[in-house]
Amino acid sequence: MKKLLEEIKNCRVCEDFLDLGPNPVVSGHKNSKIVIIGQAPGTRAHDTAIPWNDKSGKQLRKWLDVADEDFYSLEIVF
């Protein structure tokens, strides 16, 4: 899992097409029960490198009824 996450973070396939440059925003854990994948993170998520760290993420967590600390925890196993 660690190798896969590093490969994703280092991806530069779209570099020529991105105004802000490549910055794959990803996190995960081998015990994760779900994976949420999005496209084209907003400027805030891009700048902070924290996935779903914007208005869309706030709405997503609301729809899922999940607190921020649980959503971002890499330790919680349900």
PDB file of N, CA and C in Angstrom:
ATOM      1  N   MET A   1       0.826  -1.187   0.000  1.00  0.00           N
ATOM      2  CA  MET A   1       0.000   0.000   0.000  1.00  0.00           C
ATOM      3  C   MET A   1       0.873   1.255   0.000  1.00  0.00           C
ATOM      4  N   LYS A   2       1.925   1.239   0.780  1.00  0.00           N
ATOM      5  CA  LYS A   2       2.809   2.401   0.849  1.00  0.00           C
ATOM      6  C   LYS A   2       3.415   2.702  -0.529  1.00  0.00           C
ATOM      7  N   LYS A   3       3.859   1.662  -1.221  1.00  0.00           N
ATOM      8  CA  LYS A   3       4.448   1.846  -2.548  1.00  0.00           C
ATOM      9  C   LYS A   3       3.421   2.402  -3.526  1.00  0.00           C
ATOM     10  N   LEU A   4       2.207   1.884  -3.493  1.00  0.00           N
ATOM     11  CA  LEU A   4       1.149   2.361  -4.381  1.00  0.00           C
ATOM     12  C   LEU A   4       0.853   3.835  -4.132  1.00  0.00           C
ATOM     13  N   LEU A   5       0.722   4.234  -2.872  1.00  0.00           N
ATOM     14  CA  LEU A   5       0.451   5.639  -2.549  1.00  0.00           C
ATOM     15  C   LEU A   5       1.583   6.546  -3.028  1.00  0.00           C
ATOM     16  N   GLU A   6       2.824   6.106  -2.883  1.00  0.00           N
ATOM     17  CA  GLU A   6       3.960   6.891  -3.360  1.00  0.00           C
ATOM     18  C   GLU A   6       3.940   7.028  -4.886  1.00  0.00           C
ATOM     19  N   GLU A   7       3.614   5.948  -5.570  1.00  0.00           N
ATOM     20  CA  GLU A   7       3.533   6.000  -7.034  1.00  0.00           C
ATOM     21  C   GLU A   7       2.454   6.989  -7.479  1.00  0.00           C
ATOM     22  N   ILE A   8       1.321   6.971  -6.804  1.00  0.00           N
ATOM     23  CA  ILE A   8       0.237   7.901  -7.146  1.00  0.00           C
ATOM     24  C   ILE A   8       0.678   9.332  -6.886  1.00  0.00           C
ATOM     25  N   LYS A   9       1.275   9.580  -5.740  1.00  0.00           N
ATOM     26  CA  LYS A   9       1.707  10.936  -5.385  1.00  0.00           C
ATOM     27  C   LYS A   9       2.771  11.478  -6.336  1.00  0.00           C
ATOM     28  N   ASN A  10       3.547  10.599  -6.918  1.00  0.00           N
ATOM     29  CA  ASN A  10       4.616  11.016  -7.830  1.00  0.00           C
ATOM     30  C   ASN A  10       4.201  11.038  -9.298  1.00  0.00           C
ATOM     31  N   CYS A  11       2.945  10.740  -9.586  1.00  0.00           N
ATOM     32  CA  CYS A  11       2.468  10.697 -10.971  1.00  0.00           C
ATOM     33  C   CYS A  11       2.549  12.082 -11.621  1.00  0.00           C
ATOM     34  N   ARG A  12       3.038  12.122 -12.854  1.00  0.00           N
ATOM     35  CA  ARG A  12       3.171  13.370 -13.603  1.00  0.00           C
ATOM     36  C   ARG A  12       2.549  13.268 -15.004  1.00  0.00           C
ATOM     37  N   VAL A  13       1.688  12.289 -15.222  1.00  0.00           N
ATOM     38  CA  VAL A  13       1.103  12.035 -16.537  1.00  0.00           C
ATOM     39  C   VAL A  13       0.415  13.270 -17.109  1.00  0.00           C
ATOM     40  N   CYS A  14      -0.309  14.010 -16.300  1.00  0.00           N
ATOM     41  CA  CYS A  14      -1.096  15.162 -16.781  1.00  0.00           C
ATOM     42  C   CYS A  14      -0.361  16.497 -16.638  1.00  0.00           C
ATOM     43  N   GLU A  15       0.889  16.473 -16.305  1.00  0.00           N
ATOM     44  CA  GLU A  15       1.651  17.684 -15.996  1.00  0.00           C
ATOM     45  C   GLU A  15       1.494  18.797 -17.028  1.00  0.00           C
ATOM     46  N   ASP A  16       1.506  18.471 -18.294  1.00  0.00           N
ATOM     47  CA  ASP A  16       1.428  19.487 -19.352  1.00  0.00           C
ATOM     48  C   ASP A  16       0.059  20.147 -19.462  1.00  0.00           C
ATOM     49  N   PHE A  17      -0.936  19.589 -18.785  1.00  0.00           N
ATOM     50  CA  PHE A  17      -2.302  20.083 -18.916  1.00  0.00           C
ATOM     51  C   PHE A  17      -2.837  20.753 -17.655  1.00  0.00           C
ATOM     52  N   LEU A  18      -2.020  20.861 -16.617  1.00  0.00           N
ATOM     53  CA  LEU A  18      -2.479  21.389 -15.331  1.00  0.00           C
ATOM     54  C   LEU A  18      -1.850  22.740 -15.032  1.00  0.00           C
ATOM     55  N   ASP A  19      -2.669  23.760 -14.913  1.00  0.00           N
ATOM     56  CA  ASP A  19      -2.163  25.106 -14.632  1.00  0.00           C
ATOM     57  C   ASP A  19      -1.394  25.185 -13.321  1.00  0.00           C
ATOM     58  N   LEU A  20      -1.853  24.464 -12.305  1.00  0.00           N
ATOM     59  CA  LEU A  20      -1.196  24.501 -10.998  1.00  0.00           C
ATOM     60  C   LEU A  20      -0.100  23.453 -10.858  1.00  0.00           C
ATOM     61  N   GLY A  21       0.079  22.641 -11.885  1.00  0.00           N
ATOM     62  CA  GLY A  21       1.067  21.566 -11.811  1.00  0.00           C
ATOM     63  C   GLY A  21       0.469  20.339 -11.155  1.00  0.00           C
ATOM     64  N   PRO A  22       1.127  19.204 -11.307  1.00  0.00           N
ATOM     65  CA  PRO A  22       0.606  17.966 -10.731  1.00  0.00           C
ATOM     66  C   PRO A  22       0.792  17.923  -9.219  1.00  0.00           C
ATOM     67  N   ASN A  23      -0.221  17.471  -8.541  1.00  0.00           N
ATOM     68  CA  ASN A  23      -0.161  17.270  -7.095  1.00  0.00           C
ATOM     69  C   ASN A  23      -1.251  16.277  -6.719  1.00  0.00           C
ATOM     70  N   PRO A  24      -1.078  15.000  -7.073  1.00  0.00           N
ATOM     71  CA  PRO A  24      -2.094  14.024  -6.706  1.00  0.00           C
ATOM     72  C   PRO A  24      -2.319  14.034  -5.189  1.00  0.00           C
ATOM     73  N   VAL A  25      -3.542  14.299  -4.803  1.00  0.00           N
ATOM     74  CA  VAL A  25      -3.913  14.387  -3.390  1.00  0.00           C
ATOM     75  C   VAL A  25      -4.547  13.054  -3.013  1.00  0.00           C
ATOM     76  N   VAL A  26      -3.848  12.292  -2.191  1.00  0.00           N
ATOM     77  CA  VAL A  26      -4.291  10.931  -1.883  1.00  0.00           C
ATOM     78  C   VAL A  26      -3.872  10.554  -0.469  1.00  0.00           C
ATOM     79  N   SER A  27      -4.694   9.758   0.168  1.00  0.00           N
ATOM     80  CA  SER A  27      -4.332   9.156   1.445  1.00  0.00           C
ATOM     81  C   SER A  27      -5.051   7.834   1.553  1.00  0.00           C
ATOM     82  N   GLY A  28      -4.583   6.979   2.401  1.00  0.00           N
ATOM     83  CA  GLY A  28      -5.225   5.684   2.553  1.00  0.00           C
ATOM     84  C   GLY A  28      -4.500   4.834   3.573  1.00  0.00           C
ATOM     85  N   HIS A  29      -5.101   3.719   3.870  1.00  0.00           N
ATOM     86  CA  HIS A  29      -4.554   2.770   4.835  1.00  0.00           C
ATOM     87  C   HIS A  29      -4.941   1.376   4.382  1.00  0.00           C
ATOM     88  N   LYS A  30      -4.117   0.416   4.658  1.00  0.00           N
ATOM     89  CA  LYS A  30      -4.394  -0.956   4.215  1.00  0.00           C
ATOM     90  C   LYS A  30      -5.690  -1.507   4.784  1.00  0.00           C
ATOM     91  N   ASN A  31      -6.165  -0.964   5.893  1.00  0.00           N
ATOM     92  CA  ASN A  31      -7.401  -1.433   6.503  1.00  0.00           C
ATOM     93  C   ASN A  31      -8.625  -0.594   6.121  1.00  0.00           C
ATOM     94  N   SER A  32      -8.455   0.333   5.195  1.00  0.00           N
ATOM     95  CA  SER A  32      -9.587   1.166   4.773  1.00  0.00           C
ATOM     96  C   SER A  32     -10.711   0.289   4.232  1.00  0.00           C
ATOM     97  N   LYS A  33     -11.932   0.617   4.617  1.00  0.00           N
ATOM     98  CA  LYS A  33     -13.094  -0.141   4.172  1.00  0.00           C
ATOM     99  C   LYS A  33     -13.708   0.443   2.906  1.00  0.00           C
ATOM    100  N   ILE A  34     -13.492   1.723   2.662  1.00  0.00           N
ATOM    101  CA  ILE A  34     -14.004   2.361   1.460  1.00  0.00           C
ATOM    102  C   ILE A  34     -12.911   3.231   0.854  1.00  0.00           C
ATOM    103  N   VAL A  35     -13.071   3.521  -0.424  1.00  0.00           N
ATOM    104  CA  VAL A  35     -12.168   4.425  -1.123  1.00  0.00           C
ATOM    105  C   VAL A  35     -13.038   5.445  -1.844  1.00  0.00           C
ATOM    106  N   ILE A  36     -12.749   6.713  -1.651  1.00  0.00           N
ATOM    107  CA  ILE A  36     -13.475   7.772  -2.332  1.00  0.00           C
ATOM    108  C   ILE A  36     -12.491   8.466  -3.257  1.00  0.00           C
ATOM    109  N   ILE A  37     -12.817   8.472  -4.524  1.00  0.00           N
ATOM    110  CA  ILE A  37     -11.926   9.036  -5.530  1.00  0.00           C
ATOM    111  C   ILE A  37     -12.619  10.223  -6.180  1.00  0.00           C
ATOM    112  N   GLY A  38     -11.905  11.316  -6.280  1.00  0.00           N
ATOM    113  CA  GLY A  38     -12.440  12.495  -6.927  1.00  0.00           C
ATOM    114  C   GLY A  38     -11.516  12.942  -8.044  1.00  0.00           C
ATOM    115  N   GLN A  39     -11.997  13.888  -8.804  1.00  0.00           N
ATOM    116  CA  GLN A  39     -11.223  14.410  -9.919  1.00  0.00           C
ATOM    117  C   GLN A  39     -11.036  15.905  -9.727  1.00  0.00           C
ATOM    118  N   ALA A  40      -9.872  16.389 -10.091  1.00  0.00           N
ATOM    119  CA  ALA A  40      -9.579  17.822 -10.095  1.00  0.00           C
ATOM    120  C   ALA A  40      -9.894  18.488  -8.763  1.00  0.00           C
ATOM    121  N   PRO A  41      -9.082  18.227  -7.735  1.00  0.00           N
ATOM    122  CA  PRO A  41      -9.323  18.883  -6.458  1.00  0.00           C
ATOM    123  C   PRO A  41      -9.253  20.400  -6.601  1.00  0.00           C
ATOM    124  N   GLY A  42     -10.007  21.084  -5.783  1.00  0.00           N
ATOM    125  CA  GLY A  42      -9.976  22.543  -5.807  1.00  0.00           C
ATOM    126  C   GLY A  42      -8.627  23.081  -5.351  1.00  0.00           C
ATOM    127  N   THR A  43      -8.470  24.382  -5.461  1.00  0.00           N
ATOM    128  CA  THR A  43      -7.208  25.029  -5.115  1.00  0.00           C
ATOM    129  C   THR A  43      -6.812  24.755  -3.669  1.00  0.00           C
ATOM    130  N   ARG A  44      -7.779  24.796  -2.754  1.00  0.00           N
ATOM    131  CA  ARG A  44      -7.458  24.577  -1.340  1.00  0.00           C
ATOM    132  C   ARG A  44      -6.914  23.164  -1.112  1.00  0.00           C
ATOM    133  N   ALA A  45      -7.577  22.161  -1.660  1.00  0.00           N
ATOM    134  CA  ALA A  45      -7.088  20.790  -1.508  1.00  0.00           C
ATOM    135  C   ALA A  45      -5.732  20.635  -2.189  1.00  0.00           C
ATOM    136  N   HIS A  46      -5.568  21.252  -3.341  1.00  0.00           N
ATOM    137  CA  HIS A  46      -4.283  21.200  -4.050  1.00  0.00           C
ATOM    138  C   HIS A  46      -3.171  21.822  -3.205  1.00  0.00           C
ATOM    139  N   ASP A  47      -3.437  23.008  -2.645  1.00  0.00           N
ATOM    140  CA  ASP A  47      -2.420  23.725  -1.870  1.00  0.00           C
ATOM    141  C   ASP A  47      -2.078  23.040  -0.558  1.00  0.00           C
ATOM    142  N   THR A  48      -3.074  22.436   0.096  1.00  0.00           N
ATOM    143  CA  THR A  48      -2.831  21.806   1.401  1.00  0.00           C
ATOM    144  C   THR A  48      -2.464  20.334   1.287  1.00  0.00           C
ATOM    145  N   ALA A  49      -2.698  19.745   0.091  1.00  0.00           N
ATOM    146  CA  ALA A  49      -2.467  18.309  -0.139  1.00  0.00           C
ATOM    147  C   ALA A  49      -3.298  17.444   0.804  1.00  0.00           C
ATOM    148  N   ILE A  50      -4.454  17.961   1.212  1.00  0.00           N
ATOM    149  CA  ILE A  50      -5.393  17.218   2.042  1.00  0.00           C
ATOM    150  C   ILE A  50      -6.625  16.938   1.187  1.00  0.00           C
ATOM    151  N   PRO A  51      -6.919  15.659   0.932  1.00  0.00           N
ATOM    152  CA  PRO A  51      -8.054  15.352   0.071  1.00  0.00           C
ATOM    153  C   PRO A  51      -9.377  15.827   0.662  1.00  0.00           C
ATOM    154  N   TRP A  52     -10.244  16.318  -0.210  1.00  0.00           N
ATOM    155  CA  TRP A  52     -11.587  16.766   0.172  1.00  0.00           C
ATOM    156  C   TRP A  52     -11.539  17.875   1.209  1.00  0.00           C
ATOM    157  N   ASN A  53     -10.522  18.713   1.171  1.00  0.00           N
ATOM    158  CA  ASN A  53     -10.345  19.814   2.119  1.00  0.00           C
ATOM    159  C   ASN A  53     -10.914  21.106   1.517  1.00  0.00           C
ATOM    160  N   ASP A  54     -12.184  21.056   1.183  1.00  0.00           N
ATOM    161  CA  ASP A  54     -12.831  22.208   0.562  1.00  0.00           C
ATOM    162  C   ASP A  54     -14.339  22.089   0.773  1.00  0.00           C
ATOM    163  N   LYS A  55     -15.103  22.947   0.123  1.00  0.00           N
ATOM    164  CA  LYS A  55     -16.557  22.919   0.298  1.00  0.00           C
ATOM    165  C   LYS A  55     -17.160  21.592  -0.144  1.00  0.00           C
ATOM    166  N   SER A  56     -16.622  21.017  -1.215  1.00  0.00           N
ATOM    167  CA  SER A  56     -17.167  19.738  -1.678  1.00  0.00           C
ATOM    168  C   SER A  56     -16.934  18.642  -0.634  1.00  0.00           C
ATOM    169  N   GLY A  57     -15.789  18.684   0.030  1.00  0.00           N
ATOM    170  CA  GLY A  57     -15.498  17.709   1.083  1.00  0.00           C
ATOM    171  C   GLY A  57     -16.394  17.896   2.293  1.00  0.00           C
ATOM    172  N   LYS A  58     -16.662  19.139   2.627  1.00  0.00           N
ATOM    173  CA  LYS A  58     -17.563  19.420   3.746  1.00  0.00           C
ATOM    174  C   LYS A  58     -18.948  18.840   3.451  1.00  0.00           C
ATOM    175  N   GLN A  59     -19.415  19.049   2.217  1.00  0.00           N
ATOM    176  CA  GLN A  59     -20.719  18.504   1.823  1.00  0.00           C
ATOM    177  C   GLN A  59     -20.684  16.985   1.797  1.00  0.00           C
ATOM    178  N   LEU A  60     -19.611  16.396   1.302  1.00  0.00           N
ATOM    179  CA  LEU A  60     -19.472  14.940   1.267  1.00  0.00           C
ATOM    180  C   LEU A  60     -19.557  14.358   2.669  1.00  0.00           C
ATOM    181  N   ARG A  61     -18.819  14.942   3.611  1.00  0.00           N
ATOM    182  CA  ARG A  61     -18.848  14.445   4.990  1.00  0.00           C
ATOM    183  C   ARG A  61     -20.232  14.601   5.607  1.00  0.00           C
ATOM    184  N   LYS A  62     -20.937  15.662   5.230  1.00  0.00           N
ATOM    185  CA  LYS A  62     -22.303  15.861   5.713  1.00  0.00           C
ATOM    186  C   LYS A  62     -23.211  14.753   5.172  1.00  0.00           C
ATOM    187  N   TRP A  63     -23.124  14.479   3.857  1.00  0.00           N
ATOM    188  CA  TRP A  63     -23.931  13.413   3.258  1.00  0.00           C
ATOM    189  C   TRP A  63     -23.637  12.060   3.897  1.00  0.00           C
ATOM    190  N   LEU A  64     -22.372  11.811   4.192  1.00  0.00           N
ATOM    191  CA  LEU A  64     -21.961  10.540   4.791  1.00  0.00           C
ATOM    192  C   LEU A  64     -22.220  10.484   6.297  1.00  0.00           C
ATOM    193  N   ASP A  65     -22.525  11.641   6.880  1.00  0.00           N
ATOM    194  CA  ASP A  65     -22.712  11.755   8.330  1.00  0.00           C
ATOM    195  C   ASP A  65     -21.464  11.274   9.074  1.00  0.00           C
ATOM    196  N   VAL A  66     -20.323  11.792   8.626  1.00  0.00           N
ATOM    197  CA  VAL A  66     -19.032  11.416   9.194  1.00  0.00           C
ATOM    198  C   VAL A  66     -18.320  12.680   9.670  1.00  0.00           C
ATOM    199  N   ALA A  67     -17.837  12.653  10.898  1.00  0.00           N
ATOM    200  CA  ALA A  67     -17.090  13.782  11.458  1.00  0.00           C
ATOM    201  C   ALA A  67     -15.731  13.908  10.767  1.00  0.00           C
ATOM    202  N   ASP A  68     -15.218  15.124  10.720  1.00  0.00           N
ATOM    203  CA  ASP A  68     -13.921  15.374  10.084  1.00  0.00           C
ATOM    204  C   ASP A  68     -12.838  14.450  10.637  1.00  0.00           C
ATOM    205  N   GLU A  69     -12.774  14.325  11.954  1.00  0.00           N
ATOM    206  CA  GLU A  69     -11.704  13.523  12.559  1.00  0.00           C
ATOM    207  C   GLU A  69     -11.812  12.045  12.172  1.00  0.00           C
ATOM    208  N   ASP A  70     -13.021  11.548  11.967  1.00  0.00           N
ATOM    209  CA  ASP A  70     -13.184  10.164  11.530  1.00  0.00           C
ATOM    210  C   ASP A  70     -12.863  10.020  10.041  1.00  0.00           C
ATOM    211  N   PHE A  71     -13.303  10.980   9.248  1.00  0.00           N
ATOM    212  CA  PHE A  71     -13.074  10.949   7.805  1.00  0.00           C
ATOM    213  C   PHE A  71     -11.578  10.924   7.488  1.00  0.00           C
ATOM    214  N   TYR A  72     -10.802  11.690   8.231  1.00  0.00           N
ATOM    215  CA  TYR A  72      -9.372  11.808   7.953  1.00  0.00           C
ATOM    216  C   TYR A  72      -8.501  10.851   8.753  1.00  0.00           C
ATOM    217  N   SER A  73      -9.078  10.096   9.662  1.00  0.00           N
ATOM    218  CA  SER A  73      -8.309   9.165  10.467  1.00  0.00           C
ATOM    219  C   SER A  73      -7.820   8.002   9.625  1.00  0.00           C
ATOM    220  N   LEU A  74      -6.554   7.692   9.722  1.00  0.00           N
ATOM    221  CA  LEU A  74      -6.002   6.514   9.051  1.00  0.00           C
ATOM    222  C   LEU A  74      -5.923   5.327  10.004  1.00  0.00           C
ATOM    223  N   GLU A  75      -6.430   5.515  11.214  1.00  0.00           N
ATOM    224  CA  GLU A  75      -6.335   4.502  12.238  1.00  0.00           C
ATOM    225  C   GLU A  75      -7.652   3.758  12.499  1.00  0.00           C
ATOM    226  N   ILE A  76      -8.764   4.390  12.185  1.00  0.00           N
ATOM    227  CA  ILE A  76     -10.073   3.815  12.526  1.00  0.00           C
ATOM    228  C   ILE A  76     -10.375   2.622  11.635  1.00  0.00           C
ATOM    229  N   VAL A  77     -10.751   1.530  12.250  1.00  0.00           N
ATOM    230  CA  VAL A  77     -11.170   0.338  11.532  1.00  0.00           C
ATOM    231  C   VAL A  77     -12.550  -0.024  12.071  1.00  0.00           C
ATOM    232  N   PHE A  78     -13.535  -0.068  11.189  1.00  0.00           N
ATOM    233  CA  PHE A  78     -14.909  -0.366  11.627  1.00  0.00           C
ATOM    234  C   PHE A  78     -15.168  -1.850  11.600  1.00  0.00           C
TER     235      PHE A  78
END
